[in-house]
């Protein structure tokens, strides 16, 4: 989770790495709670599993007619889980 770069000789560098690792962990937990709560194989997955299945997306971002399109490979086994999670996260109400 990014902590393999510790310890550094400077305190500020170590603090930055710890903060970045903690933020990444929190974001991963919130994605699981809000978007993947009914996916049995992903709800309690290790961070490496989440990274290889969800975060490393074999896709390309295309632009056409002033819109962006995410082209996901149809043969990717976790395409449905990603698109469902994306729809759930984008359907959340905005924070006011």
N, C-alpha and C. Protein backbone atom coordinates (compact mmCIF):
# COMPACT_ATOMS: atom_id res chain seq x y z
N UNK A 1 0.81 -1.20 0.00
CA UNK A 1 0.00 0.00 0.00
C UNK A 1 0.85 1.26 0.00
N UNK A 2 2.06 1.22 -0.46
CA UNK A 2 2.88 2.41 -0.57
C UNK A 2 3.83 2.63 0.58
N UNK A 3 3.76 1.82 1.61
CA UNK A 3 4.62 2.04 2.77
C UNK A 3 5.98 1.37 2.63
N UNK A 4 6.23 0.71 1.52
CA UNK A 4 7.54 0.08 1.35
C UNK A 4 8.65 1.11 1.15
N UNK A 5 8.27 2.37 0.88
CA UNK A 5 9.26 3.43 0.70
C UNK A 5 9.71 4.05 2.01
N UNK A 6 9.17 3.60 3.11
CA UNK A 6 9.57 4.11 4.43
C UNK A 6 10.78 3.33 4.92
N UNK A 7 11.60 3.75 5.78
CA UNK A 7 11.70 5.10 6.29
C UNK A 7 12.62 5.95 5.43
N UNK A 8 12.29 7.19 5.38
CA UNK A 8 13.13 8.17 4.70
C UNK A 8 13.91 8.93 5.76
N UNK A 9 14.89 9.69 5.35
CA UNK A 9 15.66 10.47 6.30
C UNK A 9 14.92 11.73 6.74
N UNK A 10 13.87 12.10 5.99
CA UNK A 10 13.14 13.31 6.31
C UNK A 10 11.76 12.96 6.86
N UNK A 11 11.39 13.61 7.93
CA UNK A 11 10.11 13.35 8.57
C UNK A 11 8.94 13.71 7.67
N UNK A 12 9.05 14.80 6.91
CA UNK A 12 7.95 15.23 6.06
C UNK A 12 7.66 14.21 4.97
N UNK A 13 8.69 13.57 4.45
CA UNK A 13 8.49 12.55 3.42
C UNK A 13 7.75 11.36 4.01
N UNK A 14 8.15 10.92 5.20
CA UNK A 14 7.47 9.81 5.86
C UNK A 14 6.02 10.16 6.16
N UNK A 15 5.77 11.38 6.62
CA UNK A 15 4.40 11.79 6.90
C UNK A 15 3.55 11.79 5.64
N UNK A 16 4.13 12.21 4.54
CA UNK A 16 3.41 12.21 3.27
C UNK A 16 3.04 10.82 2.82
N UNK A 17 3.98 9.88 2.93
CA UNK A 17 3.70 8.51 2.52
C UNK A 17 2.64 7.86 3.41
N UNK A 18 2.70 8.11 4.70
CA UNK A 18 1.70 7.54 5.61
C UNK A 18 0.33 8.14 5.30
N UNK A 19 0.27 9.43 5.05
CA UNK A 19 -1.01 10.06 4.72
C UNK A 19 -1.56 9.52 3.41
N UNK A 20 -0.72 9.37 2.40
CA UNK A 20 -1.18 8.85 1.11
C UNK A 20 -1.68 7.41 1.25
N UNK A 21 -0.98 6.59 2.02
CA UNK A 21 -1.41 5.21 2.22
C UNK A 21 -2.73 5.15 2.98
N UNK A 22 -2.90 6.01 3.99
CA UNK A 22 -4.15 6.03 4.75
C UNK A 22 -5.31 6.50 3.89
N UNK A 23 -5.10 7.51 3.05
CA UNK A 23 -6.16 7.98 2.15
C UNK A 23 -6.54 6.90 1.14
N UNK A 24 -5.56 6.20 0.59
CA UNK A 24 -5.84 5.12 -0.34
C UNK A 24 -6.63 4.00 0.31
N UNK A 25 -6.28 3.66 1.53
CA UNK A 25 -7.00 2.62 2.26
C UNK A 25 -8.44 3.04 2.53
N UNK A 26 -8.64 4.29 2.95
CA UNK A 26 -9.99 4.78 3.21
C UNK A 26 -10.84 4.80 1.94
N UNK A 27 -10.28 5.25 0.83
CA UNK A 27 -11.02 5.26 -0.43
C UNK A 27 -11.39 3.85 -0.87
N UNK A 28 -10.48 2.91 -0.70
CA UNK A 28 -10.75 1.52 -1.04
C UNK A 28 -11.90 0.98 -0.20
N UNK A 29 -11.91 1.26 1.09
CA UNK A 29 -12.97 0.78 1.98
C UNK A 29 -14.32 1.41 1.62
N UNK A 30 -14.33 2.71 1.28
CA UNK A 30 -15.58 3.36 0.91
C UNK A 30 -16.12 2.83 -0.41
N UNK A 31 -15.26 2.54 -1.37
CA UNK A 31 -15.72 1.96 -2.64
C UNK A 31 -16.37 0.62 -2.39
N UNK A 32 -15.77 -0.19 -1.55
CA UNK A 32 -16.36 -1.50 -1.24
C UNK A 32 -17.71 -1.35 -0.55
N UNK A 33 -17.79 -0.43 0.40
CA UNK A 33 -19.02 -0.25 1.17
C UNK A 33 -20.15 0.31 0.31
N UNK A 34 -19.86 1.29 -0.52
CA UNK A 34 -20.91 1.96 -1.29
C UNK A 34 -21.24 1.28 -2.61
N UNK A 35 -20.27 0.66 -3.25
CA UNK A 35 -20.49 0.18 -4.61
C UNK A 35 -20.38 -1.33 -4.79
N UNK A 36 -19.67 -2.00 -3.93
CA UNK A 36 -19.44 -3.44 -4.12
C UNK A 36 -19.99 -4.28 -2.97
N UNK A 37 -21.00 -3.77 -2.29
CA UNK A 37 -21.50 -4.45 -1.09
C UNK A 37 -22.19 -5.77 -1.38
N UNK A 38 -22.64 -6.00 -2.61
CA UNK A 38 -23.30 -7.26 -2.93
C UNK A 38 -22.45 -8.19 -3.80
N UNK A 39 -21.22 -7.84 -4.05
CA UNK A 39 -20.29 -8.68 -4.81
C UNK A 39 -19.52 -9.55 -3.83
N UNK A 40 -19.87 -10.83 -3.74
CA UNK A 40 -19.28 -11.71 -2.73
C UNK A 40 -17.77 -11.84 -2.86
N UNK A 41 -17.24 -11.86 -4.08
CA UNK A 41 -15.80 -12.05 -4.25
C UNK A 41 -15.01 -10.76 -4.08
N UNK A 42 -15.66 -9.60 -4.06
CA UNK A 42 -14.94 -8.33 -3.95
C UNK A 42 -15.19 -7.58 -2.65
N UNK A 43 -16.22 -7.94 -1.90
CA UNK A 43 -16.56 -7.16 -0.71
C UNK A 43 -15.48 -7.29 0.37
N UNK A 44 -14.81 -8.40 0.44
CA UNK A 44 -13.75 -8.59 1.42
C UNK A 44 -12.42 -8.94 0.77
N UNK A 45 -12.21 -8.43 -0.42
CA UNK A 45 -10.98 -8.73 -1.17
C UNK A 45 -9.80 -7.96 -0.59
N UNK A 46 -8.64 -8.53 -0.76
CA UNK A 46 -7.40 -7.87 -0.36
C UNK A 46 -7.13 -6.68 -1.29
N UNK A 47 -6.32 -5.72 -0.86
CA UNK A 47 -6.03 -4.57 -1.73
C UNK A 47 -5.41 -4.97 -3.07
N UNK A 48 -4.55 -5.98 -3.08
CA UNK A 48 -3.97 -6.42 -4.36
C UNK A 48 -5.03 -6.97 -5.30
N UNK A 49 -5.99 -7.71 -4.75
CA UNK A 49 -7.07 -8.24 -5.57
C UNK A 49 -7.91 -7.11 -6.15
N UNK A 50 -8.22 -6.12 -5.32
CA UNK A 50 -8.99 -4.97 -5.80
C UNK A 50 -8.22 -4.22 -6.89
N UNK A 51 -6.93 -4.08 -6.70
CA UNK A 51 -6.12 -3.36 -7.68
C UNK A 51 -6.11 -4.09 -9.02
N UNK A 52 -5.95 -5.40 -9.02
CA UNK A 52 -5.86 -6.14 -10.28
C UNK A 52 -7.22 -6.36 -10.93
N UNK A 53 -8.31 -6.36 -10.15
CA UNK A 53 -9.62 -6.61 -10.73
C UNK A 53 -10.38 -5.34 -11.08
N UNK A 54 -10.29 -4.32 -10.26
CA UNK A 54 -11.11 -3.14 -10.46
C UNK A 54 -10.30 -1.92 -10.87
N UNK A 55 -9.21 -1.65 -10.20
CA UNK A 55 -8.48 -0.40 -10.41
C UNK A 55 -7.58 -0.43 -11.64
N UNK A 56 -7.07 -1.57 -12.02
CA UNK A 56 -6.30 -1.69 -13.26
C UNK A 56 -7.28 -2.06 -14.38
N UNK A 57 -7.86 -1.08 -14.97
CA UNK A 57 -8.94 -1.28 -15.92
C UNK A 57 -8.39 -1.38 -17.34
N UNK A 58 -8.62 -2.51 -18.02
CA UNK A 58 -8.18 -2.62 -19.42
C UNK A 58 -9.20 -1.93 -20.34
N UNK A 59 -9.08 -0.63 -20.43
CA UNK A 59 -10.03 0.14 -21.22
C UNK A 59 -9.32 1.35 -21.82
N UNK A 60 -10.05 2.08 -22.63
CA UNK A 60 -9.51 3.32 -23.16
C UNK A 60 -10.60 4.37 -23.10
N UNK A 61 -10.16 5.59 -22.92
CA UNK A 61 -11.07 6.73 -22.85
C UNK A 61 -11.08 7.39 -24.22
N UNK A 62 -12.26 7.43 -24.83
CA UNK A 62 -12.41 8.01 -26.17
C UNK A 62 -13.27 9.27 -26.08
N UNK A 63 -12.99 10.23 -26.94
CA UNK A 63 -13.77 11.46 -27.01
C UNK A 63 -14.45 11.52 -28.37
N UNK A 64 -15.75 11.80 -28.31
CA UNK A 64 -16.52 11.92 -29.54
C UNK A 64 -17.70 12.85 -29.28
N UNK A 65 -17.88 13.83 -30.13
CA UNK A 65 -19.01 14.76 -30.04
C UNK A 65 -19.08 15.43 -28.68
N UNK A 66 -17.96 15.91 -28.21
CA UNK A 66 -17.85 16.63 -26.93
C UNK A 66 -18.24 15.78 -25.72
N UNK A 67 -18.17 14.50 -25.86
CA UNK A 67 -18.45 13.60 -24.74
C UNK A 67 -17.31 12.60 -24.61
N UNK A 68 -17.14 12.11 -23.42
CA UNK A 68 -16.12 11.08 -23.18
C UNK A 68 -16.81 9.73 -23.05
N UNK A 69 -16.20 8.74 -23.64
CA UNK A 69 -16.72 7.38 -23.59
C UNK A 69 -15.63 6.47 -23.04
N UNK A 70 -15.98 5.63 -22.11
CA UNK A 70 -15.06 4.65 -21.57
C UNK A 70 -15.32 3.33 -22.28
N UNK A 71 -14.37 2.90 -23.06
CA UNK A 71 -14.49 1.66 -23.81
C UNK A 71 -13.84 0.52 -23.03
N UNK A 72 -14.66 -0.32 -22.46
CA UNK A 72 -14.18 -1.45 -21.65
C UNK A 72 -14.18 -2.70 -22.51
N UNK A 73 -13.14 -3.49 -22.37
CA UNK A 73 -13.04 -4.74 -23.11
C UNK A 73 -14.15 -5.69 -22.64
N UNK A 74 -14.94 -6.20 -23.60
CA UNK A 74 -16.07 -7.06 -23.24
C UNK A 74 -15.66 -8.40 -22.64
N UNK A 75 -14.49 -8.87 -22.96
CA UNK A 75 -14.04 -10.17 -22.46
C UNK A 75 -13.43 -10.08 -21.07
N UNK A 76 -13.31 -8.88 -20.52
CA UNK A 76 -12.74 -8.72 -19.18
C UNK A 76 -13.71 -9.29 -18.17
N UNK A 77 -13.28 -10.21 -17.30
CA UNK A 77 -14.22 -10.91 -16.41
C UNK A 77 -14.90 -10.01 -15.38
N UNK A 78 -14.36 -8.87 -15.05
CA UNK A 78 -14.94 -8.01 -14.01
C UNK A 78 -15.54 -6.74 -14.60
N UNK A 79 -15.89 -6.75 -15.88
CA UNK A 79 -16.46 -5.57 -16.52
C UNK A 79 -17.81 -5.23 -15.91
N UNK A 80 -18.63 -6.22 -15.64
CA UNK A 80 -19.94 -5.96 -15.05
C UNK A 80 -19.80 -5.38 -13.65
N UNK A 81 -18.89 -5.90 -12.85
CA UNK A 81 -18.69 -5.39 -11.49
C UNK A 81 -18.21 -3.94 -11.54
N UNK A 82 -17.33 -3.61 -12.47
CA UNK A 82 -16.84 -2.23 -12.57
C UNK A 82 -17.95 -1.29 -13.00
N UNK A 83 -18.71 -1.64 -14.04
CA UNK A 83 -19.75 -0.75 -14.53
C UNK A 83 -20.86 -0.57 -13.48
N UNK A 84 -21.19 -1.62 -12.75
CA UNK A 84 -22.18 -1.50 -11.70
C UNK A 84 -21.68 -0.59 -10.59
N UNK A 85 -20.42 -0.75 -10.20
CA UNK A 85 -19.84 0.11 -9.16
C UNK A 85 -19.78 1.55 -9.65
N UNK A 86 -19.42 1.78 -10.91
CA UNK A 86 -19.36 3.14 -11.45
C UNK A 86 -20.74 3.79 -11.43
N UNK A 87 -21.77 3.04 -11.84
CA UNK A 87 -23.12 3.60 -11.83
C UNK A 87 -23.59 3.91 -10.42
N UNK A 88 -23.28 3.05 -9.47
CA UNK A 88 -23.68 3.30 -8.08
C UNK A 88 -22.97 4.53 -7.52
N UNK A 89 -21.70 4.69 -7.83
CA UNK A 89 -20.98 5.84 -7.30
C UNK A 89 -21.41 7.15 -7.97
N UNK A 90 -21.74 7.11 -9.24
CA UNK A 90 -22.18 8.34 -9.90
C UNK A 90 -23.63 8.67 -9.56
N UNK A 91 -24.43 7.72 -9.10
CA UNK A 91 -25.80 7.98 -8.69
C UNK A 91 -25.92 8.52 -7.27
N UNK A 92 -24.83 8.58 -6.54
CA UNK A 92 -24.88 9.11 -5.19
C UNK A 92 -25.23 10.60 -5.24
N UNK A 93 -26.03 11.06 -4.28
CA UNK A 93 -26.35 12.51 -4.29
C UNK A 93 -25.14 13.34 -3.98
N UNK A 94 -25.13 14.54 -4.52
CA UNK A 94 -24.00 15.46 -4.30
C UNK A 94 -24.01 15.96 -2.87
N UNK A 95 -22.84 16.17 -2.33
CA UNK A 95 -22.71 16.71 -0.97
C UNK A 95 -23.03 18.20 -1.02
N UNK A 96 -23.89 18.62 -0.13
CA UNK A 96 -24.26 20.04 -0.11
C UNK A 96 -23.73 20.74 1.12
